[in-house]
Amino acid sequence: MHSQRMVLAAAALAFLPSVALAQAGPTIVAQPTTTLPLKHSPQPTTANITAADLMTRLYIFADDSMQGREAGTLGNFKGTTYIASEIQKMGLIPAGENGTYFQTVPLKERATEAASSFTVGGAPLAFGSEWAPFTGASESKRDLATVYGGTTGAKGGTISPVDADGKLVVFTLGAGGLSLGMLTDSAGRGPAVVVVVTPPMYLAYFSQPSEFVDDPKQHTSAPPVPVVFVSAEAAAKFFDAPLAQLTPGAAGKTASLDLQITVKPVPYPARNVVGIIPGSDPVLKNEYVAIGGHNDHLGVNHTPVDHDSLHIFNHIVRPLGADSRNGHATPEQMGEVLAQLAAWRATHPNSSRLDSVYNGADDDGSGTVTALEIAQKIASLNPRPKRSMIFVWHVGEEKGLLGSTFFTDHPTVPRDSIVAQLNMDMVGRGDAWDLTGTAKDGSFLRGNMNYLMIVGSHRLSTELGNLVEQVNTDDHHGFKFDYAMDVDGHPENVYCRSDHYEYARYGIPIAFFTTGLHSDYHQVTDEPEYIDYDHMARIGNFVEDVAVHVANLDHRVVVDHPKPDPHGACKQ
């Protein structure tokens, strides 16, 4: 699942840190010692969706040799090659480009060159710790007069375009974000450079190389002027008085920005994998039920950590993994961590290992291999469902839903022929010891033996949401659905954080199936040995059942809710 906190700025620069939730004091259920191995010998798979088949596939797909499957790397290239080879064996029809299973996404890397500089009063600021660029183009702006622009979003509290014209303007970030279009008037007068004081996390993020899809259809526009983020300490160097004492228009020191940006393709092709199982009805086979997961993850951590220590620490201290708000242990928690680690070491001598690979077994190895199992099951049916099935394993979900955005902007079948999309992202956990997320009020959610979180199934189509529930009841799957993170206004915005939304923005009904978060989310400890394969097989059989029911309807799933703007911002 795509991390909300990785999206640190929108096109309008409405960049605000995530609101902290009241997450203090959850009851932690002890995680049982896994009996699964670090490595597993692959076994032949069958037409049925089974725990054994899922285990074989996931130990291959989330192996260290896949190097975390980051989009644009060799590991992801190997992962997508594996998916394509499997669906070729199943007999799926290639539905990518040029008669292949692959749709290549034009992913490129943008990086700030070391020769870039930002000086204030002739003194350089330190790149990465004091400043980082938000804009992605080379710029050279020298000897600019500096003025204070005020606090963004404050009524009457910012500088006018006339007073900002041709100058470097420093803004304090307020609750309303910053719309750059408001800084320029109809005559084109406005700042030459915009500087925004931001928390350190923004500098750390934007100083790193970033990827983007070079596609005009993505409707992203560069800011009209260069935008630079600076730390509070760096901002103080622009003026002789503290920012808190300044009024809009206060003059500062002369500054120069020399921003050198390079853009190049990623080292290995970033690829969606697309295959079709034709339907059996001569008319309805021209419509499609889409089934998907994402094939990428986070790559490699270049600072290896002790796997067992981190696994135990996160379960006790950071039970939502990367989405946990508090990373600091209390003395009591640290005592429990050390006690559990000592007990583990005592029963597993010489087992200590350094870990650096974000294997992504659950995120989203689980969705990927479950989709493979569903494809194998449906390909074996006789007769097959009336409508066709299109399977899409999206790339670049972790970088901002890049592959699903590209596929829905450039579908390899007519977009309006897709009647529904069923998305699986993180379907391998959800047991009683996993905290799966938070309710809107900040209270914790917890898994159970019949746990399945559903998001978005009623948002465009009441019929689809009802069908999901009916299949669960009528076919005795026995899941207990959790809709707590699907409510309007939920601060985690989960509806917008996985590939299903890119279909929903075009008015295609979706259902997002997940077992939610856990302490290994976006950690190097998300490995195949911690997956509940029986639970995952049940989910696979359920989603396959839903897909077949949708495919066999005598009508398209009815859309009875307003469709979103396909190019607007998503807000749950």
Protein backbone atom coordinates (compact mmCIF):
# COMPACT_ATOMS: atom_id res chain seq x y z
CA MET A 1 0.00 0.00 0.00
CA HIS A 2 1.18 3.46 -0.90
CA SER A 3 2.24 5.41 2.17
CA GLN A 4 0.30 8.61 2.80
CA ARG A 5 3.35 10.29 4.25
CA MET A 6 5.33 9.70 1.06
CA VAL A 7 3.02 12.17 -0.68
CA LEU A 8 4.51 15.27 0.88
CA ALA A 9 3.27 17.89 -1.57
CA ALA A 10 0.48 18.28 -4.04
CA ALA A 11 0.58 20.39 -7.19
CA ALA A 12 -0.94 23.34 -5.33
CA LEU A 13 1.65 22.98 -2.55
CA ALA A 14 -0.98 22.17 0.06
CA PHE A 15 1.71 20.35 2.00
CA LEU A 16 0.90 19.67 5.62
CA PRO A 17 2.16 16.91 7.91
CA SER A 18 -0.28 14.11 8.65
CA VAL A 19 -2.46 14.82 11.68
CA ALA A 20 -1.33 12.77 14.63
CA LEU A 21 -4.01 10.44 15.95
CA ALA A 22 -4.63 9.45 19.53
CA GLN A 23 -2.69 6.23 19.31
CA ALA A 24 -1.31 5.98 22.82
CA GLY A 25 -1.51 2.76 24.76
CA PRO A 26 -2.78 0.00 22.46
CA THR A 27 -2.92 -3.47 23.91
CA ILE A 28 -0.28 -5.52 22.13
CA VAL A 29 -1.12 -9.16 21.50
CA ALA A 30 1.99 -11.34 21.47
CA GLN A 31 2.97 -12.48 18.02
CA PRO A 32 3.45 -16.25 17.92
CA THR A 33 6.84 -17.59 16.95
CA THR A 34 6.73 -18.43 13.28
CA THR A 35 7.38 -22.02 12.28
CA LEU A 36 7.83 -21.13 8.61
CA PRO A 37 11.29 -21.29 7.08
CA LEU A 38 13.45 -18.50 5.72
CA LYS A 39 13.62 -20.35 2.41
CA HIS A 40 11.11 -22.68 0.77
CA SER A 41 11.57 -25.14 -2.08
CA PRO A 42 9.02 -24.40 -4.81
CA GLN A 43 6.39 -27.02 -5.54
CA PRO A 44 4.18 -27.42 -8.66
CA THR A 45 1.03 -25.32 -8.42
CA THR A 46 -2.49 -26.58 -9.06
CA ALA A 47 -5.61 -25.06 -10.60
CA ASN A 48 -7.11 -24.51 -7.15
CA ILE A 49 -6.28 -21.56 -4.93
CA THR A 50 -4.39 -23.13 -2.04
CA ALA A 51 -2.14 -22.09 0.82
CA ALA A 52 0.59 -24.36 -0.55
CA ASP A 53 0.49 -22.70 -3.97
CA LEU A 54 0.53 -19.23 -2.44
CA MET A 55 3.49 -20.15 -0.29
CA THR A 56 5.44 -21.45 -3.28
CA ARG A 57 4.74 -18.30 -5.28
CA LEU A 58 5.38 -15.80 -2.50
CA TYR A 59 8.70 -17.31 -1.43
CA ILE A 60 9.82 -16.84 -5.04
CA PHE A 61 8.38 -13.36 -5.56
CA ALA A 62 9.46 -11.89 -2.20
CA ASP A 63 12.88 -13.55 -2.11
CA ASP A 64 15.98 -11.45 -1.38
CA SER A 65 17.05 -12.03 -4.98
CA MET A 66 14.23 -9.71 -6.09
CA GLN A 67 16.01 -6.89 -4.18
CA GLY A 68 12.78 -5.33 -2.94
CA ARG A 69 11.26 -4.92 -6.45
CA GLU A 70 11.57 -1.14 -6.53
CA ALA A 71 10.15 0.23 -9.79
CA GLY A 72 12.86 0.88 -12.36
CA THR A 73 15.37 -1.56 -10.85
CA LEU A 74 16.63 -4.99 -11.81
CA GLY A 75 14.67 -6.56 -8.95
CA ASN A 76 11.35 -5.26 -10.24
CA PHE A 77 12.29 -6.27 -13.78
CA LYS A 78 12.90 -9.80 -12.52
CA GLY A 79 9.61 -9.77 -10.61
CA THR A 80 7.57 -8.72 -13.62
CA THR A 81 9.36 -11.30 -15.76
CA TYR A 82 8.27 -13.97 -13.25
CA ILE A 83 4.63 -12.82 -13.38
CA ALA A 84 4.60 -12.84 -17.19
CA SER A 85 6.17 -16.30 -17.37
CA GLU A 86 3.51 -17.66 -15.01
CA ILE A 87 0.49 -16.25 -16.85
CA GLN A 88 1.97 -17.44 -20.13
CA LYS A 89 1.95 -20.97 -18.72
CA MET A 90 -1.70 -20.49 -17.74
CA GLY A 91 -2.62 -19.45 -21.26
CA LEU A 92 -3.59 -15.83 -20.61
CA ILE A 93 -3.61 -13.70 -23.74
CA PRO A 94 -0.95 -10.96 -23.78
CA ALA A 95 -2.61 -7.57 -23.39
CA GLY A 96 0.36 -5.27 -23.06
CA GLU A 97 2.13 -3.52 -25.90
CA ASN A 98 3.41 -5.03 -29.17
CA GLY A 99 1.87 -8.42 -28.46
CA THR A 100 3.60 -8.79 -25.08
CA TYR A 101 2.39 -9.02 -21.50
CA PHE A 102 4.15 -5.74 -20.68
CA GLN A 103 3.03 -2.13 -20.74
CA THR A 104 6.11 0.00 -20.16
CA VAL A 105 5.55 3.11 -18.07
CA PRO A 106 7.87 6.01 -19.12
CA LEU A 107 9.40 6.34 -15.68
CA LYS A 108 12.30 8.79 -15.36
CA GLU A 109 14.56 9.90 -12.55
CA ARG A 110 15.06 13.51 -11.57
CA ALA A 111 18.08 14.37 -9.44
CA THR A 112 19.68 17.52 -8.04
CA GLU A 113 23.32 17.73 -9.09
CA ALA A 114 26.03 18.27 -6.49
CA ALA A 115 27.06 21.49 -8.23
CA SER A 116 23.74 23.12 -7.26
CA SER A 117 23.98 25.90 -4.70
CA PHE A 118 21.84 28.25 -2.67
CA THR A 119 23.56 31.23 -1.00
CA VAL A 120 22.25 33.87 1.38
CA GLY A 121 24.31 36.99 1.87
CA GLY A 122 27.13 35.21 0.08
CA ALA A 123 27.15 32.25 2.51
CA PRO A 124 26.09 28.81 1.20
CA LEU A 125 23.25 26.78 2.71
CA ALA A 126 23.82 23.04 3.18
CA PHE A 127 21.90 20.93 0.66
CA GLY A 128 19.63 18.33 2.24
CA SER A 129 19.79 19.64 5.79
CA GLU A 130 19.07 23.34 5.17
CA TRP A 131 17.46 23.38 1.72
CA ALA A 132 16.00 21.16 -1.00
CA PRO A 133 14.18 22.01 -4.24
CA PHE A 134 10.52 21.28 -4.80
CA THR A 135 10.63 22.24 -8.47
CA GLY A 136 12.16 19.88 -11.01
CA ALA A 137 13.87 22.11 -13.58
CA SER A 138 17.29 23.73 -13.74
CA GLU A 139 17.21 27.37 -12.73
CA SER A 140 19.76 30.13 -12.16
CA LYS A 141 18.57 33.16 -10.23
CA ARG A 142 21.32 35.42 -8.95
CA ASP A 143 21.54 38.41 -6.63
CA LEU A 144 17.86 38.50 -5.77
CA ALA A 145 16.43 40.88 -3.22
CA THR A 146 14.74 38.93 -0.41
CA VAL A 147 11.46 39.83 1.26
CA TYR A 148 9.31 38.09 3.84
CA GLY A 149 6.02 36.94 2.35
CA GLY A 150 4.13 36.24 5.56
CA THR A 151 2.24 33.12 6.67
CA THR A 152 0.49 31.14 3.96
CA GLY A 153 -3.27 30.90 4.29
CA ALA A 154 -3.52 33.85 6.69
CA LYS A 155 -6.17 36.39 5.59
CA GLY A 156 -4.40 39.56 4.58
CA GLY A 157 -1.16 38.14 5.92
CA THR A 158 0.84 37.65 2.72
CA ILE A 159 2.70 39.90 0.36
CA SER A 160 1.11 41.27 -2.82
CA PRO A 161 2.32 40.24 -6.31
CA VAL A 162 3.51 43.81 -6.94
CA ASP A 163 5.67 43.87 -3.81
CA ALA A 164 6.98 40.35 -4.58
CA ASP A 165 7.78 41.06 -8.22
CA GLY A 166 11.21 39.77 -9.22
CA LYS A 167 12.24 38.98 -5.65
CA LEU A 168 12.94 35.91 -3.56
CA VAL A 169 10.00 35.59 -1.17
CA VAL A 170 10.23 33.60 2.07
CA PHE A 171 6.95 32.19 3.43
CA THR A 172 6.10 30.62 6.76
CA LEU A 173 3.88 27.59 6.15
CA GLY A 174 0.37 28.00 7.52
CA ALA A 175 -2.60 25.69 7.78
CA GLY A 176 -3.97 26.65 4.37
CA GLY A 177 -1.02 25.49 2.30
CA LEU A 178 0.15 27.66 -0.58
CA SER A 179 -1.35 28.19 -4.02
CA LEU A 180 1.35 29.63 -6.26
CA GLY A 181 -1.21 30.89 -8.74
CA MET A 182 -2.34 33.46 -6.18
CA LEU A 183 1.15 34.99 -6.01
CA THR A 184 1.11 36.31 -9.57
CA ASP A 185 -1.27 38.98 -10.90
CA SER A 186 -2.85 39.38 -14.33
CA ALA A 187 0.12 41.44 -15.49
CA GLY A 188 2.48 38.57 -14.71
CA ARG A 189 4.04 40.26 -11.71
CA GLY A 190 5.15 37.96 -8.93
CA PRO A 191 8.15 36.39 -7.15
CA ALA A 192 11.23 35.10 -8.96
CA VAL A 193 11.80 32.37 -6.33
CA VAL A 194 9.52 31.12 -3.56
CA VAL A 195 11.07 29.79 -0.35
CA VAL A 196 8.89 27.90 2.14
CA VAL A 197 9.89 27.03 5.70
CA THR A 198 9.09 23.34 6.22
CA PRO A 199 9.81 20.51 8.69
CA PRO A 200 13.05 18.49 8.24
CA MET A 201 11.16 15.49 6.80
CA TYR A 202 10.46 17.50 3.65
CA LEU A 203 14.12 18.32 3.14
CA ALA A 204 15.12 14.68 3.59
CA TYR A 205 12.50 13.60 1.05
CA PHE A 206 13.00 16.23 -1.65
CA SER A 207 16.79 16.17 -1.55
CA GLN A 208 16.71 12.57 -2.79
CA PRO A 209 16.41 11.60 -6.47
CA SER A 210 12.76 11.16 -7.40
CA GLU A 211 10.88 9.41 -10.16
CA PHE A 212 8.11 10.72 -12.34
CA VAL A 213 6.17 9.48 -15.34
CA ASP A 214 6.91 11.48 -18.47
CA ASP A 215 3.32 11.49 -19.71
CA PRO A 216 1.36 14.59 -20.75
CA LYS A 217 -1.91 12.84 -19.86
CA GLN A 218 -1.07 12.88 -16.15
CA HIS A 219 -2.13 16.53 -15.97
CA THR A 220 0.61 17.65 -13.64
CA SER A 221 2.02 21.12 -14.05
CA ALA A 222 5.25 22.57 -12.78
CA PRO A 223 5.03 25.56 -10.44
CA PRO A 224 5.32 28.85 -12.35
CA VAL A 225 8.42 29.83 -10.36
CA PRO A 226 11.18 27.85 -8.61
CA VAL A 227 10.14 26.65 -5.16
CA VAL A 228 12.68 25.78 -2.49
CA PHE A 229 12.06 24.25 0.92
CA VAL A 230 14.27 25.42 3.79
CA SER A 231 14.61 24.55 7.45
CA ALA A 232 13.64 27.04 10.14
CA GLU A 233 17.31 27.50 10.97
CA ALA A 234 18.15 28.29 7.35
CA ALA A 235 15.20 30.70 7.04
CA ALA A 236 16.55 32.71 9.96
CA LYS A 237 19.69 33.42 7.94
CA PHE A 238 17.73 35.47 5.39
CA PHE A 239 16.82 38.19 7.89
CA ASP A 240 18.37 40.13 10.73
CA ALA A 241 15.28 39.67 12.93
CA PRO A 242 13.44 36.44 13.82
CA LEU A 243 10.69 35.46 11.38
CA ALA A 244 8.08 35.66 14.13
CA GLN A 245 8.79 39.40 14.44
CA LEU A 246 8.59 40.16 10.71
CA THR A 247 5.68 41.62 8.78
CA PRO A 248 5.02 40.87 5.10
CA GLY A 249 7.34 42.89 2.91
CA ALA A 250 10.24 43.03 5.40
CA ALA A 251 13.53 43.11 3.50
CA GLY A 252 16.22 40.48 3.89
CA LYS A 253 19.64 39.64 2.52
CA THR A 254 20.55 39.12 -1.13
CA ALA A 255 20.30 35.49 -2.25
CA SER A 256 21.28 33.41 -5.27
CA LEU A 257 19.94 30.05 -6.44
CA ASP A 258 21.78 27.87 -8.93
CA LEU A 259 19.70 24.75 -9.38
CA GLN A 260 21.09 22.05 -11.69
CA ILE A 261 18.70 19.18 -12.37
CA THR A 262 19.33 16.08 -14.47
CA VAL A 263 16.58 13.87 -15.90
CA LYS A 264 17.20 10.38 -17.27
CA PRO A 265 15.29 7.13 -17.75
CA VAL A 266 15.33 4.65 -14.86
CA PRO A 267 17.91 1.85 -15.27
CA TYR A 268 15.38 -0.91 -16.02
CA PRO A 269 11.93 -0.65 -17.63
CA ALA A 270 9.06 -0.09 -15.22
CA ARG A 271 6.35 -2.45 -16.45
CA ASN A 272 2.70 -3.20 -15.84
CA VAL A 273 1.97 -6.86 -16.56
CA VAL A 274 -1.33 -7.38 -18.39
CA GLY A 275 -3.08 -10.60 -19.42
CA ILE A 276 -6.62 -11.54 -20.46
CA ILE A 277 -8.81 -14.61 -19.98
CA PRO A 278 -11.48 -14.35 -22.70
CA GLY A 279 -15.11 -14.65 -21.66
CA SER A 280 -17.43 -17.35 -22.92
CA ASP A 281 -20.34 -15.16 -24.04
CA PRO A 282 -20.01 -13.95 -27.66
CA VAL A 283 -21.26 -10.47 -26.72
CA LEU A 284 -20.28 -10.02 -23.07
CA LYS A 285 -16.70 -11.17 -23.71
CA ASN A 286 -16.09 -7.64 -25.00
CA GLU A 287 -16.51 -6.39 -21.43
CA TYR A 288 -13.95 -6.96 -18.68
CA VAL A 289 -13.72 -7.51 -14.96
CA ALA A 290 -10.32 -6.16 -13.92
CA ILE A 291 -8.35 -7.87 -11.14
CA GLY A 292 -5.10 -6.46 -9.85
CA GLY A 293 -2.35 -5.95 -7.31
CA HIS A 294 0.93 -4.03 -7.49
CA ASN A 295 4.21 -5.66 -8.43
CA ASP A 296 6.64 -3.17 -6.81
CA HIS A 297 7.93 -2.41 -3.34
CA LEU A 298 10.58 -0.21 -1.72
CA GLY A 299 13.88 -1.77 -2.83
CA VAL A 300 16.88 -1.94 -0.51
CA ASN A 301 17.81 -0.20 2.73
CA HIS A 302 21.45 0.77 2.40
CA THR A 303 21.89 0.72 6.18
CA PRO A 304 21.33 -2.93 7.22
CA VAL A 305 19.58 -3.58 10.53
CA ASP A 306 19.25 -6.58 12.83
CA HIS A 307 16.12 -8.31 11.58
CA ASP A 308 14.98 -9.93 14.84
CA SER A 309 15.51 -6.81 16.94
CA LEU A 310 13.54 -4.66 14.53
CA HIS A 311 10.75 -7.23 14.16
CA ILE A 312 10.25 -7.42 17.94
CA PHE A 313 10.72 -3.67 18.51
CA ASN A 314 8.14 -2.67 15.91
CA HIS A 315 5.54 -5.14 17.13
CA ILE A 316 5.72 -3.65 20.62
CA VAL A 317 6.51 0.00 19.93
CA ARG A 318 5.38 0.69 16.35
CA PRO A 319 2.46 -1.72 15.80
CA LEU A 320 1.39 -0.02 12.53
CA GLY A 321 4.88 -0.15 11.07
CA ALA A 322 5.67 2.90 8.95
CA ASP A 323 2.24 4.39 9.73
CA SER A 324 2.92 4.46 13.47
CA ARG A 325 3.12 8.01 14.78
CA ASN A 326 5.36 7.32 17.75
CA GLY A 327 8.71 5.64 17.22
CA HIS A 328 10.07 6.13 20.75
CA ALA A 329 9.83 3.32 23.29
CA THR A 330 8.85 3.89 26.88
CA PRO A 331 11.12 2.28 29.47
CA GLU A 332 8.48 -0.41 30.00
CA GLN A 333 8.25 -1.11 26.26
CA MET A 334 12.02 -1.25 25.93
CA GLY A 335 12.20 -3.71 28.79
CA GLU A 336 9.66 -5.93 27.03
CA VAL A 337 11.60 -5.66 23.74
CA LEU A 338 14.84 -6.74 25.42
CA ALA A 339 13.12 -9.58 27.26
CA GLN A 340 11.53 -10.95 24.09
CA LEU A 341 14.75 -10.58 22.13
CA ALA A 342 16.69 -12.44 24.83
CA ALA A 343 14.13 -15.24 24.81
CA TRP A 344 14.36 -15.47 21.02
CA ARG A 345 18.15 -15.56 21.09
CA ALA A 346 18.09 -18.28 23.76
CA THR A 347 15.90 -20.58 21.64
CA HIS A 348 17.49 -19.62 18.31
CA PRO A 349 21.25 -19.43 18.94
CA ASN A 350 23.40 -18.08 16.11
CA SER A 351 20.32 -16.90 14.25
CA SER A 352 21.12 -13.19 14.26
CA ARG A 353 21.04 -11.72 10.76
CA LEU A 354 21.46 -8.32 9.18
CA ASP A 355 18.63 -7.40 6.85
CA SER A 356 18.55 -4.75 4.15
CA VAL A 357 15.89 -5.91 1.65
CA TYR A 358 12.33 -4.58 1.71
CA ASN A 359 10.91 -7.92 0.57
CA GLY A 360 7.33 -6.69 0.53
CA ALA A 361 5.88 -10.14 1.16
CA ASP A 362 2.57 -8.68 2.25
CA ASP A 363 2.92 -5.34 0.45
CA ASP A 364 2.12 -6.35 -2.18
CA GLY A 365 3.60 -9.77 -2.78
CA SER A 366 0.44 -11.15 -1.22
CA GLY A 367 -1.87 -9.38 -3.68
CA THR A 368 0.38 -10.23 -6.61
CA VAL A 369 0.53 -13.98 -5.98
CA THR A 370 -3.14 -14.15 -5.02
CA ALA A 371 -3.99 -12.58 -8.38
CA LEU A 372 -1.80 -15.25 -10.02
CA GLU A 373 -3.71 -17.97 -8.20
CA ILE A 374 -7.05 -16.43 -9.20
CA ALA A 375 -5.89 -16.28 -12.82
CA GLN A 376 -4.89 -19.94 -12.74
CA LYS A 377 -8.24 -20.90 -11.20
CA ILE A 378 -10.37 -18.94 -13.69
CA ALA A 379 -8.29 -20.13 -16.65
CA SER A 380 -9.14 -23.70 -15.64
CA LEU A 381 -12.92 -23.17 -15.47
CA ASN A 382 -15.18 -24.83 -18.03
CA PRO A 383 -17.24 -23.01 -19.00
CA ARG A 384 -15.43 -19.78 -18.28
CA PRO A 385 -17.28 -16.70 -17.01
CA LYS A 386 -19.34 -14.77 -19.55
CA ARG A 387 -17.27 -11.59 -19.40
CA SER A 388 -13.54 -11.53 -19.95
CA MET A 389 -11.08 -11.08 -17.10
CA ILE A 390 -8.23 -8.63 -17.45
CA PHE A 391 -5.43 -9.03 -14.90
CA VAL A 392 -3.15 -6.05 -14.36
CA TRP A 393 -0.15 -6.17 -12.04
CA HIS A 394 0.62 -2.47 -11.64
CA VAL A 395 4.11 -1.02 -11.25
CA GLY A 396 5.06 2.07 -9.24
CA GLU A 397 2.21 1.96 -6.72
CA GLU A 398 4.67 2.78 -3.96
CA LYS A 399 5.85 5.86 -5.86
CA GLY A 400 2.36 7.33 -6.17
CA LEU A 401 0.09 4.91 -8.09
CA LEU A 402 2.16 5.51 -11.22
CA GLY A 403 1.45 2.28 -13.08
CA SER A 404 -2.29 2.25 -12.45
CA THR A 405 -2.51 5.92 -13.41
CA PHE A 406 -0.70 5.17 -16.66
CA PHE A 407 -2.81 2.10 -17.41
CA THR A 408 -6.11 3.88 -16.85
CA ASP A 409 -4.92 6.85 -18.91
CA HIS A 410 -3.67 4.48 -21.63
CA PRO A 411 -5.79 1.32 -21.24
CA THR A 412 -4.96 -1.60 -23.50
CA VAL A 413 -8.69 -2.38 -23.80
CA PRO A 414 -11.40 0.28 -24.17
CA ARG A 415 -11.72 1.96 -20.81
CA ASP A 416 -15.51 1.90 -20.85
CA SER A 417 -15.44 -1.87 -21.43
CA ILE A 418 -14.10 -2.39 -17.88
CA VAL A 419 -17.18 -2.99 -15.73
CA ALA A 420 -15.44 -3.25 -12.34
CA GLN A 421 -11.99 -3.48 -10.76
CA LEU A 422 -11.10 -5.69 -7.80
CA ASN A 423 -7.87 -4.67 -6.10
CA MET A 424 -5.83 -6.68 -3.60
CA ASP A 425 -3.10 -4.90 -1.68
CA MET A 426 -1.78 -6.52 1.52
CA VAL A 427 -4.01 -9.57 1.96
CA GLY A 428 -1.55 -11.81 3.82
CA ARG A 429 -1.99 -10.86 7.47
CA GLY A 430 -4.95 -9.65 9.58
CA ASP A 431 -4.57 -12.01 12.53
CA ALA A 432 -5.48 -11.21 16.14
CA TRP A 433 -1.97 -9.96 16.95
CA ASP A 434 -2.00 -7.44 14.07
CA LEU A 435 -3.24 -3.89 14.51
CA THR A 436 -4.72 -3.30 11.07
CA GLY A 437 -5.30 0.45 11.21
CA THR A 438 -7.25 3.09 13.06
CA ALA A 439 -10.87 4.15 13.09
CA LYS A 440 -11.72 7.76 12.31
CA ASP A 441 -11.64 8.61 16.03
CA GLY A 442 -8.09 7.26 16.34
CA SER A 443 -8.98 4.01 18.10
CA PHE A 444 -7.10 0.94 16.93
CA LEU A 445 -8.50 -1.80 14.72
CA ARG A 446 -7.44 -5.39 15.25
CA GLY A 447 -7.52 -8.48 13.06
CA ASN A 448 -9.16 -11.82 13.71
CA MET A 449 -9.36 -15.24 12.08
CA ASN A 450 -12.16 -14.07 9.74
CA TYR A 451 -10.85 -10.56 9.16
CA LEU A 452 -11.11 -8.70 5.85
CA MET A 453 -11.07 -4.94 5.39
CA ILE A 454 -13.20 -3.60 2.52
CA VAL A 455 -12.73 -0.13 1.06
CA GLY A 456 -14.67 1.63 -1.68
CA SER A 457 -17.06 -1.15 -2.64
CA HIS A 458 -20.17 1.05 -2.15
CA ARG A 459 -18.67 4.38 -3.20
CA LEU A 460 -19.63 4.26 -6.88
CA SER A 461 -21.97 1.29 -7.03
CA THR A 462 -24.38 0.20 -4.33
CA GLU A 463 -24.90 -2.97 -6.34
CA LEU A 464 -21.22 -3.95 -6.29
CA GLY A 465 -20.97 -3.38 -2.54
CA ASN A 466 -24.07 -5.44 -1.94
CA LEU A 467 -22.85 -8.19 -4.27
CA VAL A 468 -19.58 -8.49 -2.30
CA GLU A 469 -21.58 -8.96 0.89
CA GLN A 470 -24.03 -11.38 -0.73
CA VAL A 471 -21.26 -13.61 -2.11
CA ASN A 472 -19.67 -13.73 1.34
CA THR A 473 -22.97 -14.82 2.90
CA ASP A 474 -24.50 -17.03 0.23
CA ASP A 475 -21.30 -18.92 -0.57
CA HIS A 476 -20.34 -19.29 3.10
CA HIS A 477 -16.91 -17.62 2.98
CA GLY A 478 -17.40 -16.49 6.57
CA PHE A 479 -15.47 -13.20 6.52
CA LYS A 480 -16.16 -10.46 9.01
CA PHE A 481 -15.84 -7.23 7.03
CA ASP A 482 -14.22 -4.15 8.53
CA TYR A 483 -15.38 -0.88 6.91
CA ALA A 484 -13.90 1.41 9.58
CA MET A 485 -11.23 2.90 7.30
CA ASP A 486 -13.72 3.46 4.46
CA VAL A 487 -15.70 6.21 6.18
CA ASP A 488 -15.77 9.70 4.68
CA GLY A 489 -13.16 12.04 6.09
CA HIS A 490 -10.92 9.33 7.52
CA PRO A 491 -7.52 11.02 7.99
CA GLU A 492 -5.58 8.07 6.56
CA ASN A 493 -7.33 8.49 3.19
CA VAL A 494 -6.98 4.77 2.38
CA TYR A 495 -9.46 4.97 -0.50
CA CYS A 496 -6.90 7.12 -2.32
CA ARG A 497 -3.81 5.08 -1.43
CA SER A 498 -3.90 2.04 -3.71
CA ASP A 499 -4.39 1.30 -7.39
CA HIS A 500 -8.17 0.87 -7.33
CA TYR A 501 -8.66 4.64 -7.13
CA GLU A 502 -7.16 5.18 -10.57
CA TYR A 503 -10.03 3.12 -11.97
CA ALA A 504 -12.61 4.76 -9.71
CA ARG A 505 -11.62 8.25 -10.91
CA TYR A 506 -12.93 7.22 -14.34
CA GLY A 507 -16.20 6.02 -12.86
CA ILE A 508 -15.33 2.30 -12.84
CA PRO A 509 -16.82 0.60 -9.73
CA ILE A 510 -14.13 -0.85 -7.47
CA ALA A 511 -13.72 -3.00 -4.40
CA PHE A 512 -10.46 -2.90 -2.46
CA PHE A 513 -9.66 -6.00 -0.40
CA THR A 514 -6.96 -5.85 2.27
CA THR A 515 -6.10 -7.26 5.67
CA GLY A 516 -4.74 -3.85 6.62
CA LEU A 517 -1.57 -2.73 8.30
CA HIS A 518 0.74 -4.44 10.78
CA SER A 519 4.06 -3.86 12.50
CA ASP A 520 6.07 -5.04 9.47
CA TYR A 521 4.41 -2.55 7.09
CA HIS A 522 7.08 -0.85 4.95
CA GLN A 523 9.84 -2.52 6.96
CA VAL A 524 12.60 -4.90 5.91
CA THR A 525 10.86 -7.45 8.14
CA ASP A 526 7.88 -7.86 5.76
CA GLU A 527 8.91 -11.37 4.72
CA PRO A 528 7.17 -14.61 3.63
CA GLU A 529 7.77 -16.33 6.96
CA TYR A 530 5.20 -14.05 8.68
CA ILE A 531 2.32 -14.57 6.22
CA ASP A 532 -0.89 -16.45 7.10
CA TYR A 533 -1.25 -18.55 3.95
CA ASP A 534 -4.50 -20.22 4.96
CA HIS A 535 -6.13 -16.84 5.54
CA MET A 536 -4.75 -15.55 2.23
CA ALA A 537 -6.09 -18.60 0.34
CA ARG A 538 -9.56 -17.92 1.76
CA ILE A 539 -9.35 -14.34 0.52
CA GLY A 540 -8.20 -15.51 -2.91
CA ASN A 541 -11.13 -17.90 -3.21
CA PHE A 542 -13.52 -15.17 -2.08
CA VAL A 543 -12.24 -12.55 -4.56
CA GLU A 544 -12.35 -15.15 -7.35
CA ASP A 545 -15.95 -15.88 -6.42
CA VAL A 546 -16.84 -12.17 -6.48
CA ALA A 547 -15.12 -11.74 -9.86
CA VAL A 548 -17.04 -14.63 -11.41
CA HIS A 549 -20.35 -13.31 -10.06
CA VAL A 550 -19.67 -9.87 -11.55
CA ALA A 551 -18.60 -11.45 -14.84
CA ASN A 552 -21.78 -13.53 -15.08
CA LEU A 553 -24.30 -10.74 -14.39
CA ASP A 554 -26.77 -10.15 -17.21
CA HIS A 555 -26.07 -6.42 -16.94
CA ARG A 556 -23.17 -4.14 -16.09
CA VAL A 557 -22.72 -3.30 -12.44
CA VAL A 558 -24.86 -0.21 -11.94
CA VAL A 559 -23.09 3.04 -11.10
CA ASP A 560 -25.50 5.02 -8.93
CA HIS A 561 -23.17 7.49 -7.20
CA PRO A 562 -21.47 10.57 -8.66
CA LYS A 563 -18.27 9.96 -10.57
CA PRO A 564 -15.20 11.95 -9.46
CA ASP A 565 -13.21 14.35 -11.62
CA PRO A 566 -10.64 11.99 -13.19
CA HIS A 567 -7.97 14.68 -12.96
CA GLY A 568 -8.95 16.14 -9.59
CA ALA A 569 -7.41 15.47 -6.21
CA CYS A 570 -8.68 12.41 -4.35
CA LYS A 571 -10.10 13.03 -0.91
CA GLN A 572 -11.90 10.29 0.99
